[in-house]
Amino acid sequence: MSITPSEWLKQADYDVETAEFMFSGGRYFYAVFMCHQAVEKAIKGLYQDKFNESPPRVHNLVYLLSRLEIKLPDKMGRFIVRLNEANIATRYPEDLERLQSNYTKEVAREVLSGSKEVIQWIKKRL
């Protein structure tokens, strides 16, 4: 059973809300992790829409976008690379204190903002 593009986007929105909740609770690296989840689901919605098939079960945003053959605006492309790198660090943390010092309130705020921007950009293409 494949998920519809609108369901992918609904889940992406829910993950953004979860990221905001984590942010407001001071769980900044979890906010960043949830932003990655949200953007991933939005991209997968676009994939589902374009190919009418389930997207690959991967977490690599750069790979997913390359499969879609979509050119993001430069600033968004740089953001996606940065968010993609954060996924590994936040998904498989090696050192909690270092992770907390790397993903500060300001970093999480920027990631939340950038993620919302990307998701809006994707929604306009569906």
PDB file of N, CA and C in Angstrom:
ATOM      1  N   MET A   1       0.840  -1.180   0.000  1.00  0.00           N
ATOM      2  CA  MET A   1       0.000   0.000   0.000  1.00  0.00           C
ATOM      3  C   MET A   1       0.884   1.243   0.000  1.00  0.00           C
ATOM      4  N   SER A   2       0.636   2.157  -0.913  1.00  0.00           N
ATOM      5  CA  SER A   2       1.458   3.358  -0.967  1.00  0.00           C
ATOM      6  C   SER A   2       0.705   4.539  -0.357  1.00  0.00           C
ATOM      7  N   ILE A   3       1.481   5.416   0.207  1.00  0.00           N
ATOM      8  CA  ILE A   3       0.939   6.610   0.856  1.00  0.00           C
ATOM      9  C   ILE A   3       0.703   7.672  -0.211  1.00  0.00           C
ATOM     10  N   THR A   4      -0.389   8.387  -0.113  1.00  0.00           N
ATOM     11  CA  THR A   4      -0.693   9.441  -1.082  1.00  0.00           C
ATOM     12  C   THR A   4       0.192  10.658  -0.828  1.00  0.00           C
ATOM     13  N   PRO A   5       0.404  11.484  -1.852  1.00  0.00           N
ATOM     14  CA  PRO A   5       1.173  12.709  -1.651  1.00  0.00           C
ATOM     15  C   PRO A   5       0.591  13.587  -0.538  1.00  0.00           C
ATOM     16  N   SER A   6      -0.725  13.692  -0.465  1.00  0.00           N
ATOM     17  CA  SER A   6      -1.327  14.536   0.578  1.00  0.00           C
ATOM     18  C   SER A   6      -1.079  13.962   1.973  1.00  0.00           C
ATOM     19  N   GLU A   7      -1.034  12.644   2.083  1.00  0.00           N
ATOM     20  CA  GLU A   7      -0.732  12.030   3.382  1.00  0.00           C
ATOM     21  C   GLU A   7       0.722  12.292   3.772  1.00  0.00           C
ATOM     22  N   TRP A   8       1.636  12.196   2.804  1.00  0.00           N
ATOM     23  CA  TRP A   8       3.039  12.531   3.088  1.00  0.00           C
ATOM     24  C   TRP A   8       3.137  13.956   3.630  1.00  0.00           C
ATOM     25  N   LEU A   9       2.413  14.890   2.997  1.00  0.00           N
ATOM     26  CA  LEU A   9       2.485  16.287   3.431  1.00  0.00           C
ATOM     27  C   LEU A   9       1.833  16.492   4.791  1.00  0.00           C
ATOM     28  N   LYS A  10       0.762  15.784   5.049  1.00  0.00           N
ATOM     29  CA  LYS A  10       0.120  15.876   6.364  1.00  0.00           C
ATOM     30  C   LYS A  10       1.102  15.420   7.447  1.00  0.00           C
ATOM     31  N   GLN A  11       1.807  14.339   7.172  1.00  0.00           N
ATOM     32  CA  GLN A  11       2.796  13.847   8.132  1.00  0.00           C
ATOM     33  C   GLN A  11       3.977  14.815   8.258  1.00  0.00           C
ATOM     34  N   ALA A  12       4.368  15.436   7.158  1.00  0.00           N
ATOM     35  CA  ALA A  12       5.443  16.435   7.204  1.00  0.00           C
ATOM     36  C   ALA A  12       5.033  17.601   8.102  1.00  0.00           C
ATOM     37  N   ASP A  13       3.811  18.069   7.944  1.00  0.00           N
ATOM     38  CA  ASP A  13       3.314  19.163   8.791  1.00  0.00           C
ATOM     39  C   ASP A  13       3.290  18.752  10.262  1.00  0.00           C
ATOM     40  N   TYR A  14       2.875  17.534  10.517  1.00  0.00           N
ATOM     41  CA  TYR A  14       2.838  17.027  11.890  1.00  0.00           C
ATOM     42  C   TYR A  14       4.252  16.983  12.476  1.00  0.00           C
ATOM     43  N   ASP A  15       5.218  16.567  11.668  1.00  0.00           N
ATOM     44  CA  ASP A  15       6.603  16.516  12.138  1.00  0.00           C
ATOM     45  C   ASP A  15       7.156  17.913  12.404  1.00  0.00           C
ATOM     46  N   VAL A  16       6.752  18.900  11.615  1.00  0.00           N
ATOM     47  CA  VAL A  16       7.171  20.286  11.888  1.00  0.00           C
ATOM     48  C   VAL A  16       6.588  20.735  13.225  1.00  0.00           C
ATOM     49  N   GLU A  17       5.329  20.415  13.464  1.00  0.00           N
ATOM     50  CA  GLU A  17       4.717  20.757  14.758  1.00  0.00           C
ATOM     51  C   GLU A  17       5.465  20.079  15.901  1.00  0.00           C
ATOM     52  N   THR A  18       5.876  18.845  15.695  1.00  0.00           N
ATOM     53  CA  THR A  18       6.646  18.124  16.713  1.00  0.00           C
ATOM     54  C   THR A  18       8.000  18.797  16.916  1.00  0.00           C
ATOM     55  N   ALA A  19       8.626  19.239  15.832  1.00  0.00           N
ATOM     56  CA  ALA A  19       9.904  19.961  15.933  1.00  0.00           C
ATOM     57  C   ALA A  19       9.720  21.242  16.743  1.00  0.00           C
ATOM     58  N   GLU A  20       8.628  21.946  16.502  1.00  0.00           N
ATOM     59  CA  GLU A  20       8.353  23.173  17.264  1.00  0.00           C
ATOM     60  C   GLU A  20       8.159  22.861  18.747  1.00  0.00           C
ATOM     61  N   PHE A  21       7.491  21.758  19.030  1.00  0.00           N
ATOM     62  CA  PHE A  21       7.285  21.328  20.410  1.00  0.00           C
ATOM     63  C   PHE A  21       8.628  21.011  21.069  1.00  0.00           C
ATOM     64  N   MET A  22       9.487  20.289  20.370  1.00  0.00           N
ATOM     65  CA  MET A  22      10.819  19.972  20.890  1.00  0.00           C
ATOM     66  C   MET A  22      11.619  21.260  21.107  1.00  0.00           C
ATOM     67  N   PHE A  23      11.504  22.187  20.163  1.00  0.00           N
ATOM     68  CA  PHE A  23      12.205  23.469  20.275  1.00  0.00           C
ATOM     69  C   PHE A  23      11.745  24.222  21.522  1.00  0.00           C
ATOM     70  N   SER A  24      10.445  24.308  21.709  1.00  0.00           N
ATOM     71  CA  SER A  24       9.920  25.064  22.855  1.00  0.00           C
ATOM     72  C   SER A  24      10.291  24.404  24.179  1.00  0.00           C
ATOM     73  N   GLY A  25      10.566  23.110  24.148  1.00  0.00           N
ATOM     74  CA  GLY A  25      10.985  22.401  25.350  1.00  0.00           C
ATOM     75  C   GLY A  25      12.493  22.365  25.544  1.00  0.00           C
ATOM     76  N   GLY A  26      13.237  23.024  24.651  1.00  0.00           N
ATOM     77  CA  GLY A  26      14.686  23.070  24.781  1.00  0.00           C
ATOM     78  C   GLY A  26      15.401  21.824  24.286  1.00  0.00           C
ATOM     79  N   ARG A  27      14.703  20.968  23.576  1.00  0.00           N
ATOM     80  CA  ARG A  27      15.308  19.753  23.012  1.00  0.00           C
ATOM     81  C   ARG A  27      15.711  20.055  21.570  1.00  0.00           C
ATOM     82  N   TYR A  28      16.765  20.858  21.444  1.00  0.00           N
ATOM     83  CA  TYR A  28      17.098  21.450  20.153  1.00  0.00           C
ATOM     84  C   TYR A  28      17.558  20.439  19.113  1.00  0.00           C
ATOM     85  N   PHE A  29      18.380  19.473  19.505  1.00  0.00           N
ATOM     86  CA  PHE A  29      18.814  18.539  18.466  1.00  0.00           C
ATOM     87  C   PHE A  29      17.675  17.617  18.042  1.00  0.00           C
ATOM     88  N   TYR A  30      16.725  17.379  18.928  1.00  0.00           N
ATOM     89  CA  TYR A  30      15.539  16.621  18.507  1.00  0.00           C
ATOM     90  C   TYR A  30      14.668  17.452  17.576  1.00  0.00           C
ATOM     91  N   ALA A  31      14.649  18.754  17.792  1.00  0.00           N
ATOM     92  CA  ALA A  31      13.919  19.637  16.865  1.00  0.00           C
ATOM     93  C   ALA A  31      14.540  19.541  15.475  1.00  0.00           C
ATOM     94  N   VAL A  32      15.864  19.540  15.413  1.00  0.00           N
ATOM     95  CA  VAL A  32      16.566  19.420  14.134  1.00  0.00           C
ATOM     96  C   VAL A  32      16.267  18.060  13.498  1.00  0.00           C
ATOM     97  N   PHE A  33      16.305  17.012  14.288  1.00  0.00           N
ATOM     98  CA  PHE A  33      15.996  15.674  13.773  1.00  0.00           C
ATOM     99  C   PHE A  33      14.585  15.629  13.182  1.00  0.00           C
ATOM    100  N   MET A  34      13.627  16.204  13.884  1.00  0.00           N
ATOM    101  CA  MET A  34      12.244  16.191  13.393  1.00  0.00           C
ATOM    102  C   MET A  34      12.093  17.056  12.143  1.00  0.00           C
ATOM    103  N   CYS A  35      12.891  18.093  12.026  1.00  0.00           N
ATOM    104  CA  CYS A  35      12.873  18.895  10.794  1.00  0.00           C
ATOM    105  C   CYS A  35      13.324  18.042   9.612  1.00  0.00           C
ATOM    106  N   HIS A  36      14.353  17.254   9.824  1.00  0.00           N
ATOM    107  CA  HIS A  36      14.798  16.359   8.754  1.00  0.00           C
ATOM    108  C   HIS A  36      13.676  15.404   8.375  1.00  0.00           C
ATOM    109  N   GLN A  37      13.015  14.837   9.372  1.00  0.00           N
ATOM    110  CA  GLN A  37      11.903  13.923   9.114  1.00  0.00           C
ATOM    111  C   GLN A  37      10.820  14.617   8.284  1.00  0.00           C
ATOM    112  N   ALA A  38      10.509  15.848   8.654  1.00  0.00           N
ATOM    113  CA  ALA A  38       9.457  16.602   7.964  1.00  0.00           C
ATOM    114  C   ALA A  38       9.820  16.860   6.508  1.00  0.00           C
ATOM    115  N   VAL A  39      11.033  17.315   6.273  1.00  0.00           N
ATOM    116  CA  VAL A  39      11.466  17.605   4.905  1.00  0.00           C
ATOM    117  C   VAL A  39      11.526  16.311   4.097  1.00  0.00           C
ATOM    118  N   GLU A  40      12.020  15.258   4.707  1.00  0.00           N
ATOM    119  CA  GLU A  40      12.072  13.960   4.021  1.00  0.00           C
ATOM    120  C   GLU A  40      10.674  13.536   3.563  1.00  0.00           C
ATOM    121  N   LYS A  41       9.698  13.668   4.432  1.00  0.00           N
ATOM    122  CA  LYS A  41       8.332  13.260   4.076  1.00  0.00           C
ATOM    123  C   LYS A  41       7.744  14.152   2.989  1.00  0.00           C
ATOM    124  N   ALA A  42       8.045  15.435   3.034  1.00  0.00           N
ATOM    125  CA  ALA A  42       7.558  16.330   1.980  1.00  0.00           C
ATOM    126  C   ALA A  42       8.169  15.946   0.631  1.00  0.00           C
ATOM    127  N   ILE A  43       9.461  15.666   0.628  1.00  0.00           N
ATOM    128  CA  ILE A  43      10.126  15.240  -0.612  1.00  0.00           C
ATOM    129  C   ILE A  43       9.522  13.924  -1.102  1.00  0.00           C
ATOM    130  N   LYS A  44       9.255  13.018  -0.188  1.00  0.00           N
ATOM    131  CA  LYS A  44       8.661  11.735  -0.576  1.00  0.00           C
ATOM    132  C   LYS A  44       7.253  11.926  -1.135  1.00  0.00           C
ATOM    133  N   GLY A  45       6.540  12.927  -0.648  1.00  0.00           N
ATOM    134  CA  GLY A  45       5.239  13.246  -1.227  1.00  0.00           C
ATOM    135  C   GLY A  45       5.372  13.701  -2.664  1.00  0.00           C
ATOM    136  N   LEU A  46       6.387  14.507  -2.920  1.00  0.00           N
ATOM    137  CA  LEU A  46       6.662  14.968  -4.279  1.00  0.00           C
ATOM    138  C   LEU A  46       7.047  13.783  -5.173  1.00  0.00           C
ATOM    139  N   TYR A  47       7.845  12.889  -4.630  1.00  0.00           N
ATOM    140  CA  TYR A  47       8.252  11.682  -5.361  1.00  0.00           C
ATOM    141  C   TYR A  47       7.025  10.836  -5.716  1.00  0.00           C
ATOM    142  N   GLN A  48       6.177  10.619  -4.734  1.00  0.00           N
ATOM    143  CA  GLN A  48       4.957   9.827  -4.948  1.00  0.00           C
ATOM    144  C   GLN A  48       4.091  10.465  -6.032  1.00  0.00           C
ATOM    145  N   ASP A  49       4.002  11.782  -5.996  1.00  0.00           N
ATOM    146  CA  ASP A  49       3.197  12.507  -6.976  1.00  0.00           C
ATOM    147  C   ASP A  49       3.781  12.383  -8.387  1.00  0.00           C
ATOM    148  N   LYS A  50       5.098  12.527  -8.485  1.00  0.00           N
ATOM    149  CA  LYS A  50       5.745  12.515  -9.797  1.00  0.00           C
ATOM    150  C   LYS A  50       5.751  11.127 -10.439  1.00  0.00           C
ATOM    151  N   PHE A  51       6.063  10.100  -9.656  1.00  0.00           N
ATOM    152  CA  PHE A  51       6.255   8.761 -10.216  1.00  0.00           C
ATOM    153  C   PHE A  51       5.089   7.803  -9.963  1.00  0.00           C
ATOM    154  N   ASN A  52       4.148   8.233  -9.141  1.00  0.00           N
ATOM    155  CA  ASN A  52       3.009   7.390  -8.774  1.00  0.00           C
ATOM    156  C   ASN A  52       3.466   6.026  -8.250  1.00  0.00           C
ATOM    157  N   GLU A  53       4.503   6.066  -7.426  1.00  0.00           N
ATOM    158  CA  GLU A  53       5.015   4.859  -6.767  1.00  0.00           C
ATOM    159  C   GLU A  53       5.645   5.263  -5.449  1.00  0.00           C
ATOM    160  N   SER A  54       5.769   4.308  -4.566  1.00  0.00           N
ATOM    161  CA  SER A  54       6.364   4.589  -3.264  1.00  0.00           C
ATOM    162  C   SER A  54       7.812   5.026  -3.422  1.00  0.00           C
ATOM    163  N   PRO A  55       8.215   6.032  -2.669  1.00  0.00           N
ATOM    164  CA  PRO A  55       9.607   6.478  -2.744  1.00  0.00           C
ATOM    165  C   PRO A  55      10.544   5.460  -2.097  1.00  0.00           C
ATOM    166  N   PRO A  56      11.823   5.539  -2.435  1.00  0.00           N
ATOM    167  CA  PRO A  56      12.797   4.636  -1.808  1.00  0.00           C
ATOM    168  C   PRO A  56      12.804   4.838  -0.287  1.00  0.00           C
ATOM    169  N   ARG A  57      13.047   3.770   0.425  1.00  0.00           N
ATOM    170  CA  ARG A  57      13.088   3.835   1.894  1.00  0.00           C
ATOM    171  C   ARG A  57      14.490   4.245   2.342  1.00  0.00           C
ATOM    172  N   VAL A  58      14.812   5.478   2.063  1.00  0.00           N
ATOM    173  CA  VAL A  58      16.101   6.050   2.445  1.00  0.00           C
ATOM    174  C   VAL A  58      15.849   7.379   3.143  1.00  0.00           C
ATOM    175  N   HIS A  59      16.869   7.847   3.849  1.00  0.00           N
ATOM    176  CA  HIS A  59      16.756   9.113   4.571  1.00  0.00           C
ATOM    177  C   HIS A  59      17.587  10.223   3.934  1.00  0.00           C
ATOM    178  N   ASN A  60      18.313   9.910   2.877  1.00  0.00           N
ATOM    179  CA  ASN A  60      19.222  10.863   2.253  1.00  0.00           C
ATOM    180  C   ASN A  60      18.440  11.840   1.366  1.00  0.00           C
ATOM    181  N   LEU A  61      18.327  13.070   1.839  1.00  0.00           N
ATOM    182  CA  LEU A  61      17.549  14.086   1.124  1.00  0.00           C
ATOM    183  C   LEU A  61      18.159  14.425  -0.227  1.00  0.00           C
ATOM    184  N   VAL A  62      19.469  14.489  -0.285  1.00  0.00           N
ATOM    185  CA  VAL A  62      20.159  14.820  -1.534  1.00  0.00           C
ATOM    186  C   VAL A  62      19.877  13.734  -2.575  1.00  0.00           C
ATOM    187  N   TYR A  63      19.949  12.490  -2.155  1.00  0.00           N
ATOM    188  CA  TYR A  63      19.663  11.372  -3.054  1.00  0.00           C
ATOM    189  C   TYR A  63      18.219  11.431  -3.548  1.00  0.00           C
ATOM    190  N   LEU A  64      17.282  11.637  -2.644  1.00  0.00           N
ATOM    191  CA  LEU A  64      15.868  11.692  -3.038  1.00  0.00           C
ATOM    192  C   LEU A  64      15.619  12.805  -4.051  1.00  0.00           C
ATOM    193  N   LEU A  65      16.204  13.962  -3.805  1.00  0.00           N
ATOM    194  CA  LEU A  65      16.027  15.079  -4.743  1.00  0.00           C
ATOM    195  C   LEU A  65      16.685  14.783  -6.084  1.00  0.00           C
ATOM    196  N   SER A  66      17.815  14.091  -6.063  1.00  0.00           N
ATOM    197  CA  SER A  66      18.476  13.759  -7.333  1.00  0.00           C
ATOM    198  C   SER A  66      17.609  12.809  -8.154  1.00  0.00           C
ATOM    199  N   ARG A  67      16.902  11.912  -7.498  1.00  0.00           N
ATOM    200  CA  ARG A  67      15.989  11.005  -8.203  1.00  0.00           C
ATOM    201  C   ARG A  67      14.836  11.780  -8.841  1.00  0.00           C
ATOM    202  N   LEU A  68      14.448  12.865  -8.201  1.00  0.00           N
ATOM    203  CA  LEU A  68      13.357  13.693  -8.728  1.00  0.00           C
ATOM    204  C   LEU A  68      13.817  14.616  -9.853  1.00  0.00           C
ATOM    205  N   GLU A  69      15.142  14.778  -9.966  1.00  0.00           N
ATOM    206  CA  GLU A  69      15.722  15.678 -10.968  1.00  0.00           C
ATOM    207  C   GLU A  69      15.152  17.091 -10.836  1.00  0.00           C
ATOM    208  N   ILE A  70      15.133  17.562  -9.596  1.00  0.00           N
ATOM    209  CA  ILE A  70      14.616  18.898  -9.298  1.00  0.00           C
ATOM    210  C   ILE A  70      15.775  19.790  -8.881  1.00  0.00           C
ATOM    211  N   LYS A  71      15.788  20.987  -9.406  1.00  0.00           N
ATOM    212  CA  LYS A  71      16.809  21.966  -9.040  1.00  0.00           C
ATOM    213  C   LYS A  71      16.200  22.935  -8.035  1.00  0.00           C
ATOM    214  N   LEU A  72      16.712  22.881  -6.829  1.00  0.00           N
ATOM    215  CA  LEU A  72      16.277  23.816  -5.794  1.00  0.00           C
ATOM    216  C   LEU A  72      16.998  25.145  -5.967  1.00  0.00           C
ATOM    217  N   PRO A  73      16.428  26.228  -5.475  1.00  0.00           N
ATOM    218  CA  PRO A  73      17.192  27.473  -5.406  1.00  0.00           C
ATOM    219  C   PRO A  73      18.484  27.219  -4.613  1.00  0.00           C
ATOM    220  N   ASP A  74      19.553  27.913  -4.966  1.00  0.00           N
ATOM    221  CA  ASP A  74      20.870  27.650  -4.363  1.00  0.00           C
ATOM    222  C   ASP A  74      20.847  27.632  -2.839  1.00  0.00           C
ATOM    223  N   LYS A  75      20.203  28.632  -2.248  1.00  0.00           N
ATOM    224  CA  LYS A  75      20.164  28.716  -0.784  1.00  0.00           C
ATOM    225  C   LYS A  75      19.491  27.476  -0.192  1.00  0.00           C
ATOM    226  N   MET A  76      18.415  27.035  -0.801  1.00  0.00           N
ATOM    227  CA  MET A  76      17.711  25.837  -0.328  1.00  0.00           C
ATOM    228  C   MET A  76      18.558  24.590  -0.528  1.00  0.00           C
ATOM    229  N   GLY A  77      19.261  24.529  -1.631  1.00  0.00           N
ATOM    230  CA  GLY A  77      20.139  23.391  -1.885  1.00  0.00           C
ATOM    231  C   GLY A  77      21.209  23.270  -0.815  1.00  0.00           C
ATOM    232  N   ARG A  78      21.797  24.400  -0.441  1.00  0.00           N
ATOM    233  CA  ARG A  78      22.815  24.391   0.627  1.00  0.00           C
ATOM    234  C   ARG A  78      22.193  23.968   1.957  1.00  0.00           C
ATOM    235  N   PHE A  79      20.990  24.448   2.201  1.00  0.00           N
ATOM    236  CA  PHE A  79      20.290  24.077   3.431  1.00  0.00           C
ATOM    237  C   PHE A  79      20.035  22.565   3.475  1.00  0.00           C
ATOM    238  N   ILE A  80      19.598  21.999   2.360  1.00  0.00           N
ATOM    239  CA  ILE A  80      19.314  20.560   2.296  1.00  0.00           C
ATOM    240  C   ILE A  80      20.575  19.752   2.605  1.00  0.00           C
ATOM    241  N   VAL A  81      21.712  20.161   2.063  1.00  0.00           N
ATOM    242  CA  VAL A  81      22.973  19.463   2.341  1.00  0.00           C
ATOM    243  C   VAL A  81      23.269  19.518   3.840  1.00  0.00           C
ATOM    244  N   ARG A  82      23.096  20.690   4.428  1.00  0.00           N
ATOM    245  CA  ARG A  82      23.348  20.864   5.865  1.00  0.00           C
ATOM    246  C   ARG A  82      22.384  20.004   6.695  1.00  0.00           C
ATOM    247  N   LEU A  83      21.109  20.015   6.334  1.00  0.00           N
ATOM    248  CA  LEU A  83      20.116  19.227   7.065  1.00  0.00           C
ATOM    249  C   LEU A  83      20.390  17.735   6.904  1.00  0.00           C
ATOM    250  N   ASN A  84      20.811  17.346   5.727  1.00  0.00           N
ATOM    251  CA  ASN A  84      21.145  15.945   5.464  1.00  0.00           C
ATOM    252  C   ASN A  84      22.281  15.486   6.377  1.00  0.00           C
ATOM    253  N   GLU A  85      23.288  16.326   6.546  1.00  0.00           N
ATOM    254  CA  GLU A  85      24.417  15.999   7.422  1.00  0.00           C
ATOM    255  C   GLU A  85      23.970  15.914   8.879  1.00  0.00           C
ATOM    256  N   ALA A  86      23.059  16.791   9.270  1.00  0.00           N
ATOM    257  CA  ALA A  86      22.563  16.789  10.648  1.00  0.00           C
ATOM    258  C   ALA A  86      21.799  15.513  10.962  1.00  0.00           C
ATOM    259  N   ASN A  87      21.206  14.916   9.956  1.00  0.00           N
ATOM    260  CA  ASN A  87      20.428  13.697  10.176  1.00  0.00           C
ATOM    261  C   ASN A  87      21.265  12.596  10.809  1.00  0.00           C
ATOM    262  N   ILE A  88      22.466  12.392  10.311  1.00  0.00           N
ATOM    263  CA  ILE A  88      23.322  11.325  10.844  1.00  0.00           C
ATOM    264  C   ILE A  88      23.694  11.626  12.295  1.00  0.00           C
ATOM    265  N   ALA A  89      24.104  12.858  12.548  1.00  0.00           N
ATOM    266  CA  ALA A  89      24.522  13.232  13.904  1.00  0.00           C
ATOM    267  C   ALA A  89      23.381  13.128  14.909  1.00  0.00           C
ATOM    268  N   THR A  90      22.182  13.532  14.497  1.00  0.00           N
ATOM    269  CA  THR A  90      21.056  13.518  15.436  1.00  0.00           C
ATOM    270  C   THR A  90      20.372  12.157  15.516  1.00  0.00           C
ATOM    271  N   ARG A  91      20.478  11.375  14.478  1.00  0.00           N
ATOM    272  CA  ARG A  91      19.861  10.040  14.473  1.00  0.00           C
ATOM    273  C   ARG A  91      20.710   9.044  15.267  1.00  0.00           C
ATOM    274  N   TYR A  92      22.033   9.170  15.146  1.00  0.00           N
ATOM    275  CA  TYR A  92      22.949   8.236  15.801  1.00  0.00           C
ATOM    276  C   TYR A  92      23.981   9.008  16.627  1.00  0.00           C
ATOM    277  N   PRO A  93      23.546   9.677  17.690  1.00  0.00           N
ATOM    278  CA  PRO A  93      24.483  10.512  18.456  1.00  0.00           C
ATOM    279  C   PRO A  93      25.561   9.680  19.159  1.00  0.00           C
ATOM    280  N   GLU A  94      26.781  10.190  19.076  1.00  0.00           N
ATOM    281  CA  GLU A  94      27.897   9.518  19.745  1.00  0.00           C
ATOM    282  C   GLU A  94      28.181  10.137  21.106  1.00  0.00           C
ATOM    283  N   ASP A  95      27.899  11.430  21.233  1.00  0.00           N
ATOM    284  CA  ASP A  95      28.218  12.149  22.463  1.00  0.00           C
ATOM    285  C   ASP A  95      27.115  13.178  22.707  1.00  0.00           C
ATOM    286  N   LEU A  96      26.298  12.932  23.708  1.00  0.00           N
ATOM    287  CA  LEU A  96      25.139  13.781  23.976  1.00  0.00           C
ATOM    288  C   LEU A  96      25.527  15.230  24.248  1.00  0.00           C
ATOM    289  N   GLU A  97      26.537  15.442  25.085  1.00  0.00           N
ATOM    290  CA  GLU A  97      26.923  16.813  25.427  1.00  0.00           C
ATOM    291  C   GLU A  97      27.436  17.579  24.209  1.00  0.00           C
ATOM    292  N   ARG A  98      28.214  16.922  23.376  1.00  0.00           N
ATOM    293  CA  ARG A  98      28.717  17.580  22.165  1.00  0.00           C
ATOM    294  C   ARG A  98      27.555  17.907  21.225  1.00  0.00           C
ATOM    295  N   LEU A  99      26.639  16.981  21.110  1.00  0.00           N
ATOM    296  CA  LEU A  99      25.467  17.203  20.259  1.00  0.00           C
ATOM    297  C   LEU A  99      24.658  18.397  20.763  1.00  0.00           C
ATOM    298  N   GLN A 100      24.475  18.476  22.069  1.00  0.00           N
ATOM    299  CA  GLN A 100      23.733  19.596  22.641  1.00  0.00           C
ATOM    300  C   GLN A 100      24.458  20.920  22.422  1.00  0.00           C
ATOM    301  N   SER A 101      25.777  20.903  22.461  1.00  0.00           N
ATOM    302  CA  SER A 101      26.507  22.153  22.240  1.00  0.00           C
ATOM    303  C   SER A 101      26.552  22.531  20.761  1.00  0.00           C
ATOM    304  N   ASN A 102      26.483  21.550  19.865  1.00  0.00           N
ATOM    305  CA  ASN A 102      26.475  21.836  18.423  1.00  0.00           C
ATOM    306  C   ASN A 102      25.121  22.322  17.936  1.00  0.00           C
ATOM    307  N   TYR A 103      24.060  21.782  18.503  1.00  0.00           N
ATOM    308  CA  TYR A 103      22.705  22.126  18.057  1.00  0.00           C
ATOM    309  C   TYR A 103      22.045  23.013  19.104  1.00  0.00           C
ATOM    310  N   THR A 104      22.435  24.266  19.050  1.00  0.00           N
ATOM    311  CA  THR A 104      21.959  25.273  19.993  1.00  0.00           C
ATOM    312  C   THR A 104      20.563  25.762  19.607  1.00  0.00           C
ATOM    313  N   LYS A 105      20.040  26.618  20.443  1.00  0.00           N
ATOM    314  CA  LYS A 105      18.733  27.217  20.178  1.00  0.00           C
ATOM    315  C   LYS A 105      18.741  27.949  18.844  1.00  0.00           C
ATOM    316  N   GLU A 106      19.792  28.701  18.590  1.00  0.00           N
ATOM    317  CA  GLU A 106      19.868  29.473  17.340  1.00  0.00           C
ATOM    318  C   GLU A 106      19.956  28.554  16.120  1.00  0.00           C
ATOM    319  N   VAL A 107      20.760  27.518  16.219  1.00  0.00           N
ATOM    320  CA  VAL A 107      20.871  26.558  15.111  1.00  0.00           C
ATOM    321  C   VAL A 107      19.509  25.918  14.851  1.00  0.00           C
ATOM    322  N   ALA A 108      18.850  25.479  15.902  1.00  0.00           N
ATOM    323  CA  ALA A 108      17.538  24.839  15.748  1.00  0.00           C
ATOM    324  C   ALA A 108      16.520  25.810  15.151  1.00  0.00           C
ATOM    325  N   ARG A 109      16.573  27.067  15.559  1.00  0.00           N
ATOM    326  CA  ARG A 109      15.657  28.078  15.011  1.00  0.00           C
ATOM    327  C   ARG A 109      15.873  28.225  13.499  1.00  0.00           C
ATOM    328  N   GLU A 110      17.142  28.288  13.083  1.00  0.00           N
ATOM    329  CA  GLU A 110      17.462  28.408  11.653  1.00  0.00           C
ATOM    330  C   GLU A 110      16.999  27.172  10.874  1.00  0.00           C
ATOM    331  N   VAL A 111      17.181  26.001  11.453  1.00  0.00           N
ATOM    332  CA  VAL A 111      16.776  24.763  10.788  1.00  0.00           C
ATOM    333  C   VAL A 111      15.256  24.694  10.674  1.00  0.00           C
ATOM    334  N   LEU A 112      14.557  25.094  11.711  1.00  0.00           N
ATOM    335  CA  LEU A 112      13.091  25.126  11.660  1.00  0.00           C
ATOM    336  C   LEU A 112      12.611  26.051  10.550  1.00  0.00           C
ATOM    337  N   SER A 113      13.192  27.217  10.496  1.00  0.00           N
ATOM    338  CA  SER A 113      12.808  28.197   9.479  1.00  0.00           C
ATOM    339  C   SER A 113      13.099  27.672   8.073  1.00  0.00           C
ATOM    340  N   GLY A 114      14.292  27.135   7.881  1.00  0.00           N
ATOM    341  CA  GLY A 114      14.670  26.600   6.575  1.00  0.00           C
ATOM    342  C   GLY A 114      13.806  25.425   6.162  1.00  0.00           C
ATOM    343  N   SER A 115      13.460  24.586   7.113  1.00  0.00           N
ATOM    344  CA  SER A 115      12.617  23.421   6.820  1.00  0.00           C
ATOM    345  C   SER A 115      11.229  23.852   6.378  1.00  0.00           C
ATOM    346  N   LYS A 116      10.681  24.827   7.064  1.00  0.00           N
ATOM    347  CA  LYS A 116       9.354  25.338   6.686  1.00  0.00           C
ATOM    348  C   LYS A 116       9.384  25.926   5.280  1.00  0.00           C
ATOM    349  N   GLU A 117      10.471  26.608   4.965  1.00  0.00           N
ATOM    350  CA  GLU A 117      10.631  27.193   3.630  1.00  0.00           C
ATOM    351  C   GLU A 117      10.642  26.104   2.547  1.00  0.00           C
ATOM    352  N   VAL A 118      11.415  25.056   2.788  1.00  0.00           N
ATOM    353  CA  VAL A 118      11.512  23.956   1.821  1.00  0.00           C
ATOM    354  C   VAL A 118      10.154  23.279   1.650  1.00  0.00           C
ATOM    355  N   ILE A 119       9.477  23.034   2.745  1.00  0.00           N
ATOM    356  CA  ILE A 119       8.177  22.366   2.671  1.00  0.00           C
ATOM    357  C   ILE A 119       7.176  23.225   1.902  1.00  0.00           C
ATOM    358  N   GLN A 120       7.189  24.522   2.128  1.00  0.00           N
ATOM    359  CA  GLN A 120       6.290  25.414   1.371  1.00  0.00           C
ATOM    360  C   GLN A 120       6.629  25.372  -0.117  1.00  0.00           C
ATOM    361  N   TRP A 121       7.907  25.362  -0.433  1.00  0.00           N
ATOM    362  CA  TRP A 121       8.361  25.300  -1.822  1.00  0.00           C
ATOM    363  C   TRP A 121       7.845  24.020  -2.474  1.00  0.00           C
ATOM    364  N   ILE A 122       7.941  22.912  -1.741  1.00  0.00           N
ATOM    365  CA  ILE A 122       7.465  21.624  -2.259  1.00  0.00           C
ATOM    366  C   ILE A 122       5.955  21.648  -2.455  1.00  0.00           C
ATOM    367  N   LYS A 123       5.236  22.182  -1.489  1.00  0.00           N
ATOM    368  CA  LYS A 123       3.769  22.225  -1.586  1.00  0.00           C
ATOM    369  C   LYS A 123       3.311  22.978  -2.833  1.00  0.00           C
ATOM    370  N   LYS A 124       4.049  23.987  -3.216  1.00  0.00           N
ATOM    371  CA  LYS A 124       3.685  24.765  -4.411  1.00  0.00           C
ATOM    372  C   LYS A 124       3.859  23.948  -5.688  1.00  0.00           C
ATOM    373  N   ARG A 125       4.610  22.871  -5.607  1.00  0.00           N
ATOM    374  CA  ARG A 125       4.854  22.043  -6.782  1.00  0.00           C
ATOM    375  C   ARG A 125       3.921  20.841  -6.865  1.00  0.00           C
ATOM    376  N   LEU A 126       3.055  20.708  -5.912  1.00  0.00           N
ATOM    377  CA  LEU A 126       2.096  19.585  -5.927  1.00  0.00           C
ATOM    378  C   LEU A 126       0.730  20.051  -6.392  1.00  0.00           C
TER     379      LEU A 126
END
